[in-house]
Amino acid sequence: FVGLPNMYFQILITIYAVSFILAILAPRFWPLKGIPDSYSG
């Protein structure tokens, strides 16, 4: 859509690499860190 189909794999690698780092960092900061381990389902 943005006009870079030839760079699909570079975009894919970048997205997953950055998302992996964010998934490590995000749970250690507010607001996710402040949510209790309760079961309200």
PDB file of all heavy atoms in Angstrom:
ATOM      1  N   PHE A   1       0.823  -1.210   0.000  1.00  0.00           N
ATOM      2  CA  PHE A   1       0.000   0.000   0.000  1.00  0.00           C
ATOM      3  C   PHE A   1       0.861   1.266   0.000  1.00  0.00           C
ATOM      4  O   PHE A   1       0.534   2.246  -0.678  1.00  0.00           O
ATOM      5  CB  PHE A   1      -0.932   0.002   1.215  1.00  0.00           C
ATOM      6  CG  PHE A   1      -2.039   1.009   1.136  1.00  0.00           C
ATOM      7  CD1 PHE A   1      -3.235   0.705   0.512  1.00  0.00           C
ATOM      8  CD2 PHE A   1      -1.891   2.267   1.683  1.00  0.00           C
ATOM      9  CE1 PHE A   1      -4.262   1.634   0.429  1.00  0.00           C
ATOM     10  CE2 PHE A   1      -2.904   3.210   1.612  1.00  0.00           C
ATOM     11  CZ  PHE A   1      -4.098   2.892   0.985  1.00  0.00           C
ATOM     12  N   VAL A   2       1.965   1.252   0.759  1.00  0.00           N
ATOM     13  CA  VAL A   2       2.826   2.448   0.799  1.00  0.00           C
ATOM     14  C   VAL A   2       3.747   2.517  -0.405  1.00  0.00           C
ATOM     15  O   VAL A   2       4.464   3.504  -0.591  1.00  0.00           O
ATOM     16  CB  VAL A   2       3.667   2.507   2.093  1.00  0.00           C
ATOM     17  CG1 VAL A   2       2.778   2.539   3.315  1.00  0.00           C
ATOM     18  CG2 VAL A   2       4.675   1.358   2.167  1.00  0.00           C
ATOM     19  N   GLY A   3       3.757   1.462  -1.230  1.00  0.00           N
ATOM     20  CA  GLY A   3       4.577   1.468  -2.439  1.00  0.00           C
ATOM     21  C   GLY A   3       5.922   0.811  -2.300  1.00  0.00           C
ATOM     22  O   GLY A   3       6.829   1.062  -3.095  1.00  0.00           O
ATOM     23  N   LEU A   4       6.056  -0.107  -1.292  1.00  0.00           N
ATOM     24  CA  LEU A   4       7.331  -0.793  -1.088  1.00  0.00           C
ATOM     25  C   LEU A   4       7.164  -2.317  -1.051  1.00  0.00           C
ATOM     26  O   LEU A   4       7.681  -2.988  -0.163  1.00  0.00           O
ATOM     27  CB  LEU A   4       7.979  -0.328   0.229  1.00  0.00           C
ATOM     28  CG  LEU A   4       8.342   1.153   0.356  1.00  0.00           C
ATOM     29  CD1 LEU A   4       8.896   1.440   1.757  1.00  0.00           C
ATOM     30  CD2 LEU A   4       9.371   1.547  -0.704  1.00  0.00           C
ATOM     31  N   PRO A   5       6.476  -2.908  -2.031  1.00  0.00           N
ATOM     32  CA  PRO A   5       6.327  -4.374  -1.996  1.00  0.00           C
ATOM     33  C   PRO A   5       7.658  -5.099  -2.123  1.00  0.00           C
ATOM     34  O   PRO A   5       7.813  -6.215  -1.624  1.00  0.00           O
ATOM     35  CB  PRO A   5       5.416  -4.653  -3.204  1.00  0.00           C
ATOM     36  CG  PRO A   5       5.634  -3.483  -4.119  1.00  0.00           C
ATOM     37  CD  PRO A   5       5.859  -2.313  -3.214  1.00  0.00           C
ATOM     38  N   ASN A   6       8.631  -4.456  -2.764  1.00  0.00           N
ATOM     39  CA  ASN A   6       9.948  -5.070  -2.918  1.00  0.00           C
ATOM     40  C   ASN A   6      10.739  -5.082  -1.608  1.00  0.00           C
ATOM     41  O   ASN A   6      11.754  -5.770  -1.498  1.00  0.00           O
ATOM     42  CB  ASN A   6      10.750  -4.310  -3.975  1.00  0.00           C
ATOM     43  CG  ASN A   6      10.914  -2.839  -3.626  1.00  0.00           C
ATOM     44  OD1 ASN A   6       9.933  -2.177  -3.279  1.00  0.00           O
ATOM     45  ND2 ASN A   6      12.125  -2.311  -3.733  1.00  0.00           N
ATOM     46  N   MET A   7      10.276  -4.339  -0.593  1.00  0.00           N
ATOM     47  CA  MET A   7      10.953  -4.294   0.702  1.00  0.00           C
ATOM     48  C   MET A   7      10.129  -4.996   1.791  1.00  0.00           C
ATOM     49  O   MET A   7      10.298  -4.739   2.988  1.00  0.00           O
ATOM     50  CB  MET A   7      11.234  -2.846   1.114  1.00  0.00           C
ATOM     51  CG  MET A   7      12.174  -2.111   0.170  1.00  0.00           C
ATOM     52  SD  MET A   7      12.678  -0.496   0.807  1.00  0.00           S
ATOM     53  CE  MET A   7      13.762  -0.991   2.158  1.00  0.00           C
ATOM     54  N   TYR A   8       9.255  -5.901   1.363  1.00  0.00           N
ATOM     55  CA  TYR A   8       8.370  -6.586   2.306  1.00  0.00           C
ATOM     56  C   TYR A   8       9.143  -7.285   3.416  1.00  0.00           C
ATOM     57  O   TYR A   8       8.822  -7.143   4.614  1.00  0.00           O
ATOM     58  CB  TYR A   8       7.487  -7.580   1.553  1.00  0.00           C
ATOM     59  CG  TYR A   8       6.861  -8.636   2.434  1.00  0.00           C
ATOM     60  CD1 TYR A   8       5.981  -8.285   3.447  1.00  0.00           C
ATOM     61  CD2 TYR A   8       7.164  -9.987   2.259  1.00  0.00           C
ATOM     62  CE1 TYR A   8       5.416  -9.255   4.259  1.00  0.00           C
ATOM     63  CE2 TYR A   8       6.601 -10.951   3.058  1.00  0.00           C
ATOM     64  CZ  TYR A   8       5.719 -10.585   4.058  1.00  0.00           C
ATOM     65  OH  TYR A   8       5.170 -11.544   4.866  1.00  0.00           O
ATOM     66  N   PHE A   9      10.169  -8.050   3.059  1.00  0.00           N
ATOM     67  CA  PHE A   9      10.875  -8.820   4.082  1.00  0.00           C
ATOM     68  C   PHE A   9      11.649  -7.907   5.031  1.00  0.00           C
ATOM     69  O   PHE A   9      11.751  -8.183   6.232  1.00  0.00           O
ATOM     70  CB  PHE A   9      11.812  -9.850   3.433  1.00  0.00           C
ATOM     71  CG  PHE A   9      11.099 -11.043   2.892  1.00  0.00           C
ATOM     72  CD1 PHE A   9      10.929 -11.221   1.527  1.00  0.00           C
ATOM     73  CD2 PHE A   9      10.564 -11.995   3.749  1.00  0.00           C
ATOM     74  CE1 PHE A   9      10.259 -12.316   1.030  1.00  0.00           C
ATOM     75  CE2 PHE A   9       9.885 -13.097   3.262  1.00  0.00           C
ATOM     76  CZ  PHE A   9       9.731 -13.262   1.898  1.00  0.00           C
ATOM     77  N   GLN A  10      12.205  -6.811   4.538  1.00  0.00           N
ATOM     78  CA  GLN A  10      12.874  -5.857   5.416  1.00  0.00           C
ATOM     79  C   GLN A  10      11.877  -5.238   6.397  1.00  0.00           C
ATOM     80  O   GLN A  10      12.169  -5.074   7.590  1.00  0.00           O
ATOM     81  CB  GLN A  10      13.555  -4.748   4.599  1.00  0.00           C
ATOM     82  CG  GLN A  10      14.728  -5.222   3.766  1.00  0.00           C
ATOM     83  CD  GLN A  10      14.331  -5.572   2.351  1.00  0.00           C
ATOM     84  OE1 GLN A  10      13.278  -6.156   2.125  1.00  0.00           O
ATOM     85  NE2 GLN A  10      15.170  -5.202   1.387  1.00  0.00           N
ATOM     86  N   ILE A  11      10.688  -4.907   5.901  1.00  0.00           N
ATOM     87  CA  ILE A  11       9.650  -4.346   6.764  1.00  0.00           C
ATOM     88  C   ILE A  11       9.188  -5.395   7.783  1.00  0.00           C
ATOM     89  O   ILE A  11       9.003  -5.096   8.978  1.00  0.00           O
ATOM     90  CB  ILE A  11       8.467  -3.840   5.912  1.00  0.00           C
ATOM     91  CG1 ILE A  11       8.895  -2.614   5.098  1.00  0.00           C
ATOM     92  CG2 ILE A  11       7.262  -3.493   6.788  1.00  0.00           C
ATOM     93  CD1 ILE A  11       7.864  -2.154   4.086  1.00  0.00           C
ATOM     94  N   LEU A  12       9.011  -6.638   7.326  1.00  0.00           N
ATOM     95  CA  LEU A  12       8.596  -7.733   8.213  1.00  0.00           C
ATOM     96  C   LEU A  12       9.604  -7.940   9.342  1.00  0.00           C
ATOM     97  O   LEU A  12       9.237  -8.016  10.527  1.00  0.00           O
ATOM     98  CB  LEU A  12       8.435  -9.018   7.403  1.00  0.00           C
ATOM     99  CG  LEU A  12       7.992 -10.268   8.158  1.00  0.00           C
ATOM    100  CD1 LEU A  12       6.516 -10.163   8.513  1.00  0.00           C
ATOM    101  CD2 LEU A  12       8.242 -11.528   7.322  1.00  0.00           C
ATOM    102  N   ILE A  13      10.882  -8.035   8.988  1.00  0.00           N
ATOM    103  CA  ILE A  13      11.928  -8.232   9.989  1.00  0.00           C
ATOM    104  C   ILE A  13      11.947  -7.080  10.980  1.00  0.00           C
ATOM    105  O   ILE A  13      12.062  -7.280  12.207  1.00  0.00           O
ATOM    106  CB  ILE A  13      13.303  -8.371   9.294  1.00  0.00           C
ATOM    107  CG1 ILE A  13      13.369  -9.683   8.505  1.00  0.00           C
ATOM    108  CG2 ILE A  13      14.444  -8.294  10.313  1.00  0.00           C
ATOM    109  CD1 ILE A  13      14.551  -9.757   7.557  1.00  0.00           C
ATOM    110  N   THR A  14      11.829  -5.869  10.464  1.00  0.00           N
ATOM    111  CA  THR A  14      11.851  -4.686  11.329  1.00  0.00           C
ATOM    112  C   THR A  14      10.681  -4.690  12.300  1.00  0.00           C
ATOM    113  O   THR A  14      10.858  -4.451  13.512  1.00  0.00           O
ATOM    114  CB  THR A  14      11.792  -3.405  10.473  1.00  0.00           C
ATOM    115  OG1 THR A  14      12.906  -3.393   9.581  1.00  0.00           O
ATOM    116  CG2 THR A  14      11.815  -2.167  11.345  1.00  0.00           C
ATOM    117  N   ILE A  15       9.495  -4.957  11.818  1.00  0.00           N
ATOM    118  CA  ILE A  15       8.297  -4.950  12.668  1.00  0.00           C
ATOM    119  C   ILE A  15       8.407  -5.991  13.778  1.00  0.00           C
ATOM    120  O   ILE A  15       8.143  -5.707  14.950  1.00  0.00           O
ATOM    121  CB  ILE A  15       7.033  -5.189  11.819  1.00  0.00           C
ATOM    122  CG1 ILE A  15       6.723  -3.940  10.995  1.00  0.00           C
ATOM    123  CG2 ILE A  15       5.843  -5.566  12.695  1.00  0.00           C
ATOM    124  CD1 ILE A  15       5.615  -4.139   9.982  1.00  0.00           C
ATOM    125  N   TYR A  16       8.820  -7.198  13.430  1.00  0.00           N
ATOM    126  CA  TYR A  16       8.890  -8.252  14.442  1.00  0.00           C
ATOM    127  C   TYR A  16      10.022  -8.009  15.440  1.00  0.00           C
ATOM    128  O   TYR A  16       9.884  -8.290  16.631  1.00  0.00           O
ATOM    129  CB  TYR A  16       9.030  -9.628  13.781  1.00  0.00           C
ATOM    130  CG  TYR A  16       7.726 -10.142  13.209  1.00  0.00           C
ATOM    131  CD1 TYR A  16       7.701 -11.227  12.340  1.00  0.00           C
ATOM    132  CD2 TYR A  16       6.513  -9.542  13.526  1.00  0.00           C
ATOM    133  CE1 TYR A  16       6.500 -11.701  11.816  1.00  0.00           C
ATOM    134  CE2 TYR A  16       5.314 -10.005  13.010  1.00  0.00           C
ATOM    135  CZ  TYR A  16       5.314 -11.083  12.164  1.00  0.00           C
ATOM    136  OH  TYR A  16       4.130 -11.558  11.652  1.00  0.00           O
ATOM    137  N   ALA A  17      11.144  -7.478  14.967  1.00  0.00           N
ATOM    138  CA  ALA A  17      12.255  -7.192  15.874  1.00  0.00           C
ATOM    139  C   ALA A  17      11.872  -6.096  16.879  1.00  0.00           C
ATOM    140  O   ALA A  17      12.089  -6.234  18.091  1.00  0.00           O
ATOM    141  CB  ALA A  17      13.489  -6.769  15.082  1.00  0.00           C
ATOM    142  N   VAL A  18      11.289  -5.017  16.377  1.00  0.00           N
ATOM    143  CA  VAL A  18      10.890  -3.913  17.254  1.00  0.00           C
ATOM    144  C   VAL A  18       9.758  -4.354  18.191  1.00  0.00           C
ATOM    145  O   VAL A  18       9.757  -4.019  19.381  1.00  0.00           O
ATOM    146  CB  VAL A  18      10.466  -2.689  16.418  1.00  0.00           C
ATOM    147  CG1 VAL A  18       9.811  -1.621  17.297  1.00  0.00           C
ATOM    148  CG2 VAL A  18      11.681  -2.107  15.700  1.00  0.00           C
ATOM    149  N   SER A  19       8.810  -5.119  17.678  1.00  0.00           N
ATOM    150  CA  SER A  19       7.705  -5.592  18.506  1.00  0.00           C
ATOM    151  C   SER A  19       8.196  -6.520  19.606  1.00  0.00           C
ATOM    152  O   SER A  19       7.663  -6.513  20.725  1.00  0.00           O
ATOM    153  CB  SER A  19       6.660  -6.307  17.641  1.00  0.00           C
ATOM    154  OG  SER A  19       6.097  -5.415  16.704  1.00  0.00           O
ATOM    155  N   PHE A  20       9.205  -7.326  19.311  1.00  0.00           N
ATOM    156  CA  PHE A  20       9.793  -8.213  20.319  1.00  0.00           C
ATOM    157  C   PHE A  20      10.406  -7.389  21.453  1.00  0.00           C
ATOM    158  O   PHE A  20      10.200  -7.680  22.642  1.00  0.00           O
ATOM    159  CB  PHE A  20      10.854  -9.100  19.659  1.00  0.00           C
ATOM    160  CG  PHE A  20      11.511 -10.071  20.599  1.00  0.00           C
ATOM    161  CD1 PHE A  20      10.914 -11.280  20.905  1.00  0.00           C
ATOM    162  CD2 PHE A  20      12.741  -9.785  21.176  1.00  0.00           C
ATOM    163  CE1 PHE A  20      11.517 -12.181  21.772  1.00  0.00           C
ATOM    164  CE2 PHE A  20      13.357 -10.667  22.036  1.00  0.00           C
ATOM    165  CZ  PHE A  20      12.743 -11.877  22.338  1.00  0.00           C
ATOM    166  N   ILE A  21      11.144  -6.344  21.100  1.00  0.00           N
ATOM    167  CA  ILE A  21      11.756  -5.482  22.116  1.00  0.00           C
ATOM    168  C   ILE A  21      10.678  -4.777  22.936  1.00  0.00           C
ATOM    169  O   ILE A  21      10.759  -4.704  24.173  1.00  0.00           O
ATOM    170  CB  ILE A  21      12.689  -4.452  21.447  1.00  0.00           C
ATOM    171  CG1 ILE A  21      13.851  -5.159  20.751  1.00  0.00           C
ATOM    172  CG2 ILE A  21      13.222  -3.457  22.483  1.00  0.00           C
ATOM    173  CD1 ILE A  21      14.689  -4.252  19.857  1.00  0.00           C
ATOM    174  N   LEU A  22       9.643  -4.277  22.270  1.00  0.00           N
ATOM    175  CA  LEU A  22       8.557  -3.593  22.975  1.00  0.00           C
ATOM    176  C   LEU A  22       7.818  -4.543  23.911  1.00  0.00           C
ATOM    177  O   LEU A  22       7.368  -4.150  24.992  1.00  0.00           O
ATOM    178  CB  LEU A  22       7.578  -2.982  21.973  1.00  0.00           C
ATOM    179  CG  LEU A  22       8.088  -1.775  21.186  1.00  0.00           C
ATOM    180  CD1 LEU A  22       7.085  -1.393  20.093  1.00  0.00           C
ATOM    181  CD2 LEU A  22       8.335  -0.595  22.105  1.00  0.00           C
ATOM    182  N   ALA A  23       7.683  -5.807  23.496  1.00  0.00           N
ATOM    183  CA  ALA A  23       7.000  -6.791  24.346  1.00  0.00           C
ATOM    184  C   ALA A  23       7.793  -7.090  25.612  1.00  0.00           C
ATOM    185  O   ALA A  23       7.218  -7.452  26.649  1.00  0.00           O
ATOM    186  CB  ALA A  23       6.767  -8.084  23.559  1.00  0.00           C
ATOM    187  N   ILE A  24       9.103  -6.951  25.543  1.00  0.00           N
ATOM    188  CA  ILE A  24       9.944  -7.118  26.744  1.00  0.00           C
ATOM    189  C   ILE A  24       9.829  -5.890  27.651  1.00  0.00           C
ATOM    190  O   ILE A  24       9.738  -6.003  28.876  1.00  0.00           O
ATOM    191  CB  ILE A  24      11.413  -7.356  26.351  1.00  0.00           C
ATOM    192  CG1 ILE A  24      11.547  -8.689  25.592  1.00  0.00           C
ATOM    193  CG2 ILE A  24      12.319  -7.346  27.578  1.00  0.00           C
ATOM    194  CD1 ILE A  24      12.945  -8.926  25.040  1.00  0.00           C
ATOM    195  N   LEU A  25       9.796  -4.709  27.043  1.00  0.00           N
ATOM    196  CA  LEU A  25       9.811  -3.466  27.818  1.00  0.00           C
ATOM    197  C   LEU A  25       8.451  -3.110  28.417  1.00  0.00           C
ATOM    198  O   LEU A  25       8.361  -2.711  29.586  1.00  0.00           O
ATOM    199  CB  LEU A  25      10.284  -2.312  26.925  1.00  0.00           C
ATOM    200  CG  LEU A  25      11.721  -2.380  26.396  1.00  0.00           C
ATOM    201  CD1 LEU A  25      11.972  -1.208  25.447  1.00  0.00           C
ATOM    202  CD2 LEU A  25      12.721  -2.372  27.544  1.00  0.00           C
ATOM    203  N   ALA A  26       7.376  -3.225  27.636  1.00  0.00           N
ATOM    204  CA  ALA A  26       6.071  -2.705  28.043  1.00  0.00           C
ATOM    205  C   ALA A  26       5.556  -3.258  29.373  1.00  0.00           C
ATOM    206  O   ALA A  26       5.027  -2.496  30.185  1.00  0.00           O
ATOM    207  CB  ALA A  26       5.046  -2.951  26.927  1.00  0.00           C
ATOM    208  N   PRO A  27       5.680  -4.576  29.646  1.00  0.00           N
ATOM    209  CA  PRO A  27       5.147  -5.083  30.914  1.00  0.00           C
ATOM    210  C   PRO A  27       5.864  -4.526  32.148  1.00  0.00           C
ATOM    211  O   PRO A  27       5.352  -4.676  33.270  1.00  0.00           O
ATOM    212  CB  PRO A  27       5.369  -6.602  30.807  1.00  0.00           C
ATOM    213  CG  PRO A  27       5.503  -6.870  29.349  1.00  0.00           C
ATOM    214  CD  PRO A  27       6.170  -5.663  28.788  1.00  0.00           C
ATOM    215  N   ARG A  28       6.988  -3.887  31.963  1.00  0.00           N
ATOM    216  CA  ARG A  28       7.768  -3.393  33.092  1.00  0.00           C
ATOM    217  C   ARG A  28       7.508  -1.911  33.386  1.00  0.00           C
ATOM    218  O   ARG A  28       8.171  -1.320  34.226  1.00  0.00           O
ATOM    219  CB  ARG A  28       9.251  -3.647  32.835  1.00  0.00           C
ATOM    220  CG  ARG A  28       9.578  -5.144  32.858  1.00  0.00           C
ATOM    221  CD  ARG A  28      10.927  -5.496  32.257  1.00  0.00           C
ATOM    222  NE  ARG A  28      11.270  -6.893  32.525  1.00  0.00           N
ATOM    223  CZ  ARG A  28      10.867  -7.920  31.794  1.00  0.00           C
ATOM    224  NH1 ARG A  28      10.098  -7.713  30.740  1.00  0.00           N
ATOM    225  NH2 ARG A  28      11.204  -9.150  32.107  1.00  0.00           N
ATOM    226  N   PHE A  29       6.556  -1.320  32.646  1.00  0.00           N
ATOM    227  CA  PHE A  29       6.205   0.085  32.846  1.00  0.00           C
ATOM    228  C   PHE A  29       4.704   0.219  33.087  1.00  0.00           C
ATOM    229  O   PHE A  29       3.917  -0.654  32.724  1.00  0.00           O
ATOM    230  CB  PHE A  29       6.613   0.931  31.623  1.00  0.00           C
ATOM    231  CG  PHE A  29       8.094   0.994  31.388  1.00  0.00           C
ATOM    232  CD1 PHE A  29       8.712   0.138  30.480  1.00  0.00           C
ATOM    233  CD2 PHE A  29       8.886   1.897  32.080  1.00  0.00           C
ATOM    234  CE1 PHE A  29      10.078   0.196  30.256  1.00  0.00           C
ATOM    235  CE2 PHE A  29      10.255   1.963  31.868  1.00  0.00           C
ATOM    236  CZ  PHE A  29      10.850   1.112  30.961  1.00  0.00           C
ATOM    237  N   TRP A  30       4.313   1.355  33.705  1.00  0.00           N
ATOM    238  CA  TRP A  30       2.903   1.667  33.850  1.00  0.00           C
ATOM    239  C   TRP A  30       2.298   1.900  32.463  1.00  0.00           C
ATOM    240  O   TRP A  30       2.988   2.406  31.588  1.00  0.00           O
ATOM    241  CB  TRP A  30       2.759   2.948  34.692  1.00  0.00           C
ATOM    242  CG  TRP A  30       1.334   3.300  34.980  1.00  0.00           C
ATOM    243  CD1 TRP A  30       0.573   2.881  36.026  1.00  0.00           C
ATOM    244  CD2 TRP A  30       0.470   4.102  34.157  1.00  0.00           C
ATOM    245  NE1 TRP A  30      -0.702   3.385  35.923  1.00  0.00           N
ATOM    246  CE2 TRP A  30      -0.800   4.139  34.771  1.00  0.00           C
ATOM    247  CE3 TRP A  30       0.640   4.800  32.959  1.00  0.00           C
ATOM    248  CZ2 TRP A  30      -1.877   4.835  34.243  1.00  0.00           C
ATOM    249  CZ3 TRP A  30      -0.437   5.495  32.420  1.00  0.00           C
ATOM    250  CH2 TRP A  30      -1.681   5.510  33.063  1.00  0.00           C
ATOM    251  N   PRO A  31       1.042   1.531  32.223  1.00  0.00           N
ATOM    252  CA  PRO A  31       0.077   0.999  33.180  1.00  0.00           C
ATOM    253  C   PRO A  31       0.065  -0.515  33.333  1.00  0.00           C
ATOM    254  O   PRO A  31      -0.570  -1.032  34.240  1.00  0.00           O
ATOM    255  CB  PRO A  31      -1.254   1.469  32.600  1.00  0.00           C
ATOM    256  CG  PRO A  31      -1.026   1.497  31.123  1.00  0.00           C
ATOM    257  CD  PRO A  31       0.415   1.916  30.940  1.00  0.00           C
ATOM    258  N   LEU A  32       0.758  -1.249  32.453  1.00  0.00           N
ATOM    259  CA  LEU A  32       0.703  -2.710  32.523  1.00  0.00           C
ATOM    260  C   LEU A  32       1.297  -3.238  33.829  1.00  0.00           C
ATOM    261  O   LEU A  32       0.772  -4.187  34.419  1.00  0.00           O
ATOM    262  CB  LEU A  32       1.436  -3.327  31.323  1.00  0.00           C
ATOM    263  CG  LEU A  32       0.777  -3.106  29.960  1.00  0.00           C
ATOM    264  CD1 LEU A  32       1.635  -3.675  28.849  1.00  0.00           C
ATOM    265  CD2 LEU A  32      -0.611  -3.722  29.930  1.00  0.00           C
ATOM    266  N   LYS A  33       2.364  -2.610  34.298  1.00  0.00           N
ATOM    267  CA  LYS A  33       3.005  -3.071  35.525  1.00  0.00           C
ATOM    268  C   LYS A  33       2.086  -2.937  36.729  1.00  0.00           C
ATOM    269  O   LYS A  33       2.164  -3.721  37.676  1.00  0.00           O
ATOM    270  CB  LYS A  33       4.297  -2.279  35.754  1.00  0.00           C
ATOM    271  CG  LYS A  33       5.103  -2.776  36.940  1.00  0.00           C
ATOM    272  CD  LYS A  33       6.386  -1.971  37.105  1.00  0.00           C
ATOM    273  CE  LYS A  33       7.195  -2.496  38.293  1.00  0.00           C
ATOM    274  NZ  LYS A  33       8.452  -1.711  38.473  1.00  0.00           N
ATOM    275  N   GLY A  34       1.183  -1.952  36.706  1.00  0.00           N
ATOM    276  CA  GLY A  34       0.325  -1.694  37.852  1.00  0.00           C
ATOM    277  C   GLY A  34      -0.944  -2.518  37.896  1.00  0.00           C
ATOM    278  O   GLY A  34      -1.703  -2.442  38.875  1.00  0.00           O
ATOM    279  N   ILE A  35      -1.219  -3.325  36.856  1.00  0.00           N
ATOM    280  CA  ILE A  35      -2.435  -4.146  36.853  1.00  0.00           C
ATOM    281  C   ILE A  35      -2.213  -5.377  37.728  1.00  0.00           C
ATOM    282  O   ILE A  35      -1.234  -6.096  37.555  1.00  0.00           O
ATOM    283  CB  ILE A  35      -2.802  -4.562  35.417  1.00  0.00           C
ATOM    284  CG1 ILE A  35      -3.106  -3.319  34.578  1.00  0.00           C
ATOM    285  CG2 ILE A  35      -4.015  -5.497  35.419  1.00  0.00           C
ATOM    286  CD1 ILE A  35      -3.346  -3.612  33.112  1.00  0.00           C
ATOM    287  N   PRO A  36      -3.104  -5.647  38.671  1.00  0.00           N
ATOM    288  CA  PRO A  36      -2.887  -6.766  39.601  1.00  0.00           C
ATOM    289  C   PRO A  36      -3.091  -8.122  38.935  1.00  0.00           C
ATOM    290  O   PRO A  36      -3.764  -8.237  37.905  1.00  0.00           O
ATOM    291  CB  PRO A  36      -3.936  -6.528  40.683  1.00  0.00           C
ATOM    292  CG  PRO A  36      -5.030  -5.778  39.986  1.00  0.00           C
ATOM    293  CD  PRO A  36      -4.341  -4.903  38.973  1.00  0.00           C
ATOM    294  N   ASP A  37      -2.539  -9.147  39.559  1.00  0.00           N
ATOM    295  CA  ASP A  37      -2.727 -10.527  39.082  1.00  0.00           C
ATOM    296  C   ASP A  37      -4.017 -11.108  39.654  1.00  0.00           C
ATOM    297  O   ASP A  37      -4.031 -12.221  40.195  1.00  0.00           O
ATOM    298  CB  ASP A  37      -1.527 -11.390  39.468  1.00  0.00           C
ATOM    299  CG  ASP A  37      -0.420 -11.323  38.431  1.00  0.00           C
ATOM    300  OD1 ASP A  37      -0.712 -11.502  37.241  1.00  0.00           O
ATOM    301  OD2 ASP A  37       0.734 -11.062  38.818  1.00  0.00           O
ATOM    302  N   SER A  38      -5.101 -10.358  39.521  1.00  0.00           N
ATOM    303  CA  SER A  38      -6.416 -10.840  39.945  1.00  0.00           C
ATOM    304  C   SER A  38      -7.109 -11.496  38.757  1.00  0.00           C
ATOM    305  O   SER A  38      -6.646 -11.405  37.622  1.00  0.00           O
ATOM    306  CB  SER A  38      -7.254  -9.680  40.490  1.00  0.00           C
ATOM    307  OG  SER A  38      -7.285  -8.617  39.558  1.00  0.00           O
ATOM    308  N   TYR A  39      -8.249 -12.136  39.034  1.00  0.00           N
ATOM    309  CA  TYR A  39      -8.967 -12.872  37.988  1.00  0.00           C
ATOM    310  C   TYR A  39     -10.404 -12.357  37.916  1.00  0.00           C
ATOM    311  O   TYR A  39     -11.287 -12.823  38.625  1.00  0.00           O
ATOM    312  CB  TYR A  39      -8.928 -14.376  38.269  1.00  0.00           C
ATOM    313  CG  TYR A  39      -7.557 -14.966  38.043  1.00  0.00           C
ATOM    314  CD1 TYR A  39      -6.559 -14.817  39.004  1.00  0.00           C
ATOM    315  CD2 TYR A  39      -7.236 -15.619  36.860  1.00  0.00           C
ATOM    316  CE1 TYR A  39      -5.275 -15.314  38.793  1.00  0.00           C
ATOM    317  CE2 TYR A  39      -5.968 -16.117  36.640  1.00  0.00           C
ATOM    318  CZ  TYR A  39      -4.998 -15.969  37.607  1.00  0.00           C
ATOM    319  OH  TYR A  39      -3.726 -16.448  37.389  1.00  0.00           O
ATOM    320  N   SER A  40     -10.616 -11.365  37.032  1.00  0.00           N
ATOM    321  CA  SER A  40     -11.936 -10.743  36.917  1.00  0.00           C
ATOM    322  C   SER A  40     -12.679 -11.201  35.668  1.00  0.00           C
ATOM    323  O   SER A  40     -13.668 -10.587  35.282  1.00  0.00           O
ATOM    324  CB  SER A  40     -11.798  -9.216  36.895  1.00  0.00           C
ATOM    325  OG  SER A  40     -11.087  -8.790  35.744  1.00  0.00           O
ATOM    326  N   GLY A  41     -12.186 -12.259  35.019  1.00  0.00           N
ATOM    327  CA  GLY A  41     -12.884 -12.801  33.857  1.00  0.00           C
ATOM    328  C   GLY A  41     -14.233 -13.370  34.242  1.00  0.00           C
ATOM    329  O   GLY A  41     -14.585 -13.470  35.424  1.00  0.00           O
TER     330      GLY A  41
END
